[in-house]
Amino acid sequence: MVSTMNPTHHLLKISRLEGLTDGIFAIAMTILVLDLRLPSHLPTDNLFFLLKSDIALKLFIYAVSFIILGTLWVAMNFQLGLLDRLNRQYLWSNVFYLMVICVVPFSASLVGAYPNSPASISFYALNLLAASMGQLLTCQCADYFNLNINIYTPAIKQAVIRRILLAPIFYVLSLFLAHWNTSAAFITLILPTAFYMVPGRVDRFEKM
């Protein structure tokens, strides 16, 4: 029996992966705000002090974590835009990557509860390091199995990998700083976020 399937038709749909990715990121980014809770029966005269100290810190950690997830979503959106087709290996690499993304709200909550603990900062750094390695894994998986569109040149590959590998340098440094100065470690942890918010070399390929 001769198959009449169109050779350009793919059983594994990129749109389904995009939907899952968007959903996971949306849920993770929403869960972040759930940690912003006031204690019940709080006296009015202590409200300003609480907002100034505890809540302000948690708001800052929420904002930073939200933007970090935003930059990770933008990066994955760029990768998905380069895909021509999928295979099971690539899908599973994304499943494990998204599993790491789901841990970010817990990591942020841990830092919010124990901001001066080397353990909480280290856990957050390891979480973000795993996310960066997950991005690298999906990128390399697509390249290895030739899943990208024809415009995916060595120049694009080099630009993407260089951009991915910037953050892990700071995350590893943060792991070492956490046992010396937790404030310096946390600042080091969030520095790559500012870089990723600025368009880089990879963005010039977007109009190709």
Protein backbone atom coordinates (compact mmCIF):
# COMPACT_ATOMS: atom_id res chain seq x y z
CA MET A 1 0.00 0.00 0.00
CA VAL A 2 1.47 3.35 -1.07
CA SER A 3 1.38 6.12 1.53
CA THR A 4 -0.34 9.33 0.43
CA MET A 5 1.05 11.38 3.32
CA ASN A 6 2.50 14.73 2.32
CA PRO A 7 6.31 14.57 2.81
CA THR A 8 6.19 17.96 4.54
CA HIS A 9 3.58 16.76 7.04
CA HIS A 10 4.96 16.04 10.51
CA LEU A 11 3.16 13.91 13.09
CA LEU A 12 4.94 15.63 15.99
CA LYS A 13 3.60 19.17 15.99
CA ILE A 14 5.77 22.15 16.95
CA SER A 15 2.59 24.00 17.92
CA ARG A 16 1.88 21.45 20.66
CA LEU A 17 5.35 21.95 22.12
CA GLU A 18 4.88 25.73 21.95
CA GLY A 19 1.58 25.39 23.80
CA LEU A 20 3.11 23.23 26.54
CA THR A 21 6.09 25.57 26.90
CA ASP A 22 3.91 28.67 27.12
CA GLY A 23 1.62 26.97 29.63
CA ILE A 24 4.45 25.83 31.90
CA PHE A 25 6.08 29.26 31.91
CA ALA A 26 2.73 30.99 32.51
CA ILE A 27 1.98 28.74 35.49
CA ALA A 28 5.50 29.08 36.95
CA MET A 29 5.39 32.87 36.61
CA THR A 30 1.95 32.98 38.24
CA ILE A 31 2.96 30.73 41.15
CA LEU A 32 5.71 33.21 42.03
CA VAL A 33 3.18 35.75 43.28
CA LEU A 34 1.54 33.23 45.61
CA ASP A 35 4.45 33.62 48.02
CA LEU A 36 3.47 37.26 48.60
CA ARG A 37 1.21 36.72 51.60
CA LEU A 38 0.57 38.77 54.70
CA PRO A 39 0.33 37.06 58.09
CA SER A 40 -3.24 36.80 59.35
CA HIS A 41 -4.46 39.16 62.09
CA LEU A 42 -1.56 41.55 61.59
CA PRO A 43 -1.72 44.65 63.86
CA THR A 44 -2.12 47.86 61.85
CA ASP A 45 0.77 49.61 63.60
CA ASN A 46 3.20 46.91 62.35
CA LEU A 47 2.02 46.98 58.74
CA PHE A 48 4.39 49.68 57.49
CA PHE A 49 7.41 48.03 59.11
CA LEU A 50 6.45 44.66 57.61
CA LEU A 51 5.99 46.14 54.14
CA LYS A 52 9.33 47.92 54.40
CA SER A 53 11.30 44.88 55.50
CA ASP A 54 9.86 41.45 54.79
CA ILE A 55 7.37 42.20 52.00
CA ALA A 56 9.73 44.54 50.13
CA LEU A 57 12.37 41.80 49.98
CA LYS A 58 9.87 39.23 48.76
CA LEU A 59 8.58 41.68 46.15
CA PHE A 60 12.13 42.18 44.90
CA ILE A 61 12.76 38.43 44.71
CA TYR A 62 9.41 38.00 42.94
CA ALA A 63 10.23 40.69 40.37
CA VAL A 64 13.71 39.33 39.71
CA SER A 65 12.47 35.74 39.41
CA PHE A 66 9.63 36.80 37.10
CA ILE A 67 12.08 38.58 34.79
CA ILE A 68 14.47 35.61 34.89
CA LEU A 69 11.64 33.32 33.78
CA GLY A 70 10.75 35.91 31.15
CA THR A 71 14.26 35.86 29.69
CA LEU A 72 14.26 32.05 29.69
CA TRP A 73 10.91 32.06 27.87
CA VAL A 74 12.20 34.53 25.27
CA ALA A 75 15.28 32.37 24.71
CA MET A 76 13.20 29.22 24.28
CA ASN A 77 10.82 31.08 21.98
CA PHE A 78 13.81 31.92 19.78
CA GLN A 79 14.89 28.28 19.73
CA LEU A 80 11.40 27.06 18.83
CA GLY A 81 11.31 29.60 16.00
CA LEU A 82 14.33 27.91 14.45
CA LEU A 83 12.72 24.46 14.39
CA ASP A 84 11.51 22.81 11.20
CA ARG A 85 10.39 19.54 12.77
CA LEU A 86 10.56 17.51 16.00
CA ASN A 87 11.58 14.06 17.14
CA ARG A 88 11.09 12.19 20.41
CA GLN A 89 14.60 12.92 21.64
CA TYR A 90 14.05 16.66 21.30
CA LEU A 91 10.64 16.47 22.97
CA TRP A 92 12.08 14.63 25.97
CA SER A 93 14.93 17.12 26.27
CA ASN A 94 12.27 19.84 26.51
CA VAL A 95 10.27 17.88 29.07
CA PHE A 96 13.30 17.74 31.38
CA TYR A 97 14.03 21.42 30.72
CA LEU A 98 10.46 22.40 31.64
CA MET A 99 10.70 20.27 34.77
CA VAL A 100 13.61 22.46 35.89
CA ILE A 101 11.61 25.60 35.09
CA CYS A 102 8.81 24.43 37.40
CA VAL A 103 11.27 24.42 40.33
CA VAL A 104 12.09 28.14 39.99
CA PRO A 105 9.09 29.32 42.09
CA PHE A 106 10.22 27.02 44.91
CA SER A 107 13.78 28.34 44.66
CA ALA A 108 12.52 31.93 44.79
CA SER A 109 10.32 31.09 47.79
CA LEU A 110 13.28 29.50 49.55
CA VAL A 111 15.40 32.63 49.08
CA GLY A 112 12.48 34.77 50.26
CA ALA A 113 12.17 32.73 53.45
CA TYR A 114 15.94 32.43 54.09
CA PRO A 115 17.61 35.38 52.29
CA ASN A 116 20.83 35.14 54.32
CA SER A 117 21.29 31.40 54.01
CA PRO A 118 24.10 30.13 51.74
CA ALA A 119 22.01 27.00 51.19
CA SER A 120 19.03 28.89 49.75
CA ILE A 121 21.19 31.02 47.44
CA SER A 122 23.12 27.94 46.32
CA PHE A 123 19.90 26.06 45.60
CA TYR A 124 18.61 28.95 43.48
CA ALA A 125 21.94 29.15 41.64
CA LEU A 126 21.90 25.41 40.95
CA ASN A 127 18.31 25.67 39.70
CA LEU A 128 19.20 28.44 37.25
CA LEU A 129 22.37 26.62 36.23
CA ALA A 130 20.27 23.54 35.43
CA ALA A 131 17.91 25.73 33.39
CA SER A 132 20.83 27.08 31.34
CA MET A 133 22.15 23.57 30.79
CA GLY A 134 18.64 22.54 29.75
CA GLN A 135 18.61 25.30 27.14
CA LEU A 136 21.98 24.14 25.88
CA LEU A 137 20.78 20.53 25.75
CA THR A 138 17.71 21.37 23.65
CA CYS A 139 19.80 23.56 21.35
CA GLN A 140 22.40 20.86 20.80
CA CYS A 141 19.74 18.18 20.42
CA ALA A 142 18.04 20.13 17.61
CA ASP A 143 21.37 20.65 15.90
CA TYR A 144 22.48 17.01 16.28
CA PHE A 145 19.29 15.63 14.74
CA ASN A 146 19.08 18.36 12.06
CA LEU A 147 15.71 19.61 13.25
CA ASN A 148 16.28 23.29 12.46
CA ILE A 149 15.25 25.27 9.41
CA ASN A 150 17.70 25.89 6.58
CA ILE A 151 18.77 29.34 7.77
CA TYR A 152 20.29 27.81 10.91
CA THR A 153 23.88 28.53 9.98
CA PRO A 154 27.06 28.00 12.03
CA ALA A 155 27.01 31.76 12.74
CA ILE A 156 23.55 31.51 14.33
CA LYS A 157 24.57 28.42 16.27
CA GLN A 158 27.66 30.14 17.62
CA ALA A 159 25.70 33.24 18.64
CA VAL A 160 23.01 31.19 20.39
CA ILE A 161 25.48 29.02 22.31
CA ARG A 162 27.59 31.99 23.39
CA ARG A 163 24.49 33.72 24.73
CA ILE A 164 23.37 30.61 26.61
CA LEU A 165 26.79 30.01 28.17
CA LEU A 166 27.13 33.52 29.60
CA ALA A 167 24.77 32.97 32.54
CA PRO A 168 26.33 29.72 33.88
CA ILE A 169 29.58 31.61 34.54
CA PHE A 170 27.72 33.89 36.96
CA TYR A 171 25.73 31.04 38.50
CA VAL A 172 28.88 29.05 39.29
CA LEU A 173 30.52 32.18 40.71
CA SER A 174 27.43 32.75 42.84
CA LEU A 175 27.79 29.24 44.28
CA PHE A 176 31.25 30.10 45.57
CA LEU A 177 30.25 33.58 46.81
CA ALA A 178 27.25 32.20 48.73
CA HIS A 179 29.55 30.85 51.45
CA TRP A 180 31.30 34.19 51.81
CA ASN A 181 28.66 36.89 51.24
CA THR A 182 25.05 36.01 50.45
CA SER A 183 24.18 39.51 49.24
CA ALA A 184 27.06 39.52 46.74
CA ALA A 185 26.08 36.00 45.68
CA PHE A 186 22.48 37.02 44.98
CA ILE A 187 23.54 40.11 43.02
CA THR A 188 25.89 37.94 40.96
CA LEU A 189 23.01 35.54 40.41
CA ILE A 190 20.77 38.16 38.83
CA LEU A 191 23.38 40.03 36.77
CA PRO A 192 22.90 37.93 33.59
CA THR A 193 19.23 38.93 33.56
CA ALA A 194 20.11 42.53 32.69
CA PHE A 195 22.26 41.27 29.81
CA TYR A 196 19.54 38.98 28.45
CA MET A 197 17.00 41.81 28.42
CA VAL A 198 19.14 43.66 25.86
CA PRO A 199 18.98 42.47 22.22
CA GLY A 200 22.14 40.59 21.26
CA ARG A 201 23.84 39.18 18.20
CA VAL A 202 21.23 36.45 17.84
CA ASP A 203 18.48 39.02 17.34
CA ARG A 204 19.87 40.25 14.05
CA PHE A 205 18.99 36.86 12.56
CA GLU A 206 15.32 37.31 13.44
CA LYS A 207 14.60 39.21 10.19
CA MET A 208 16.16 36.56 7.94
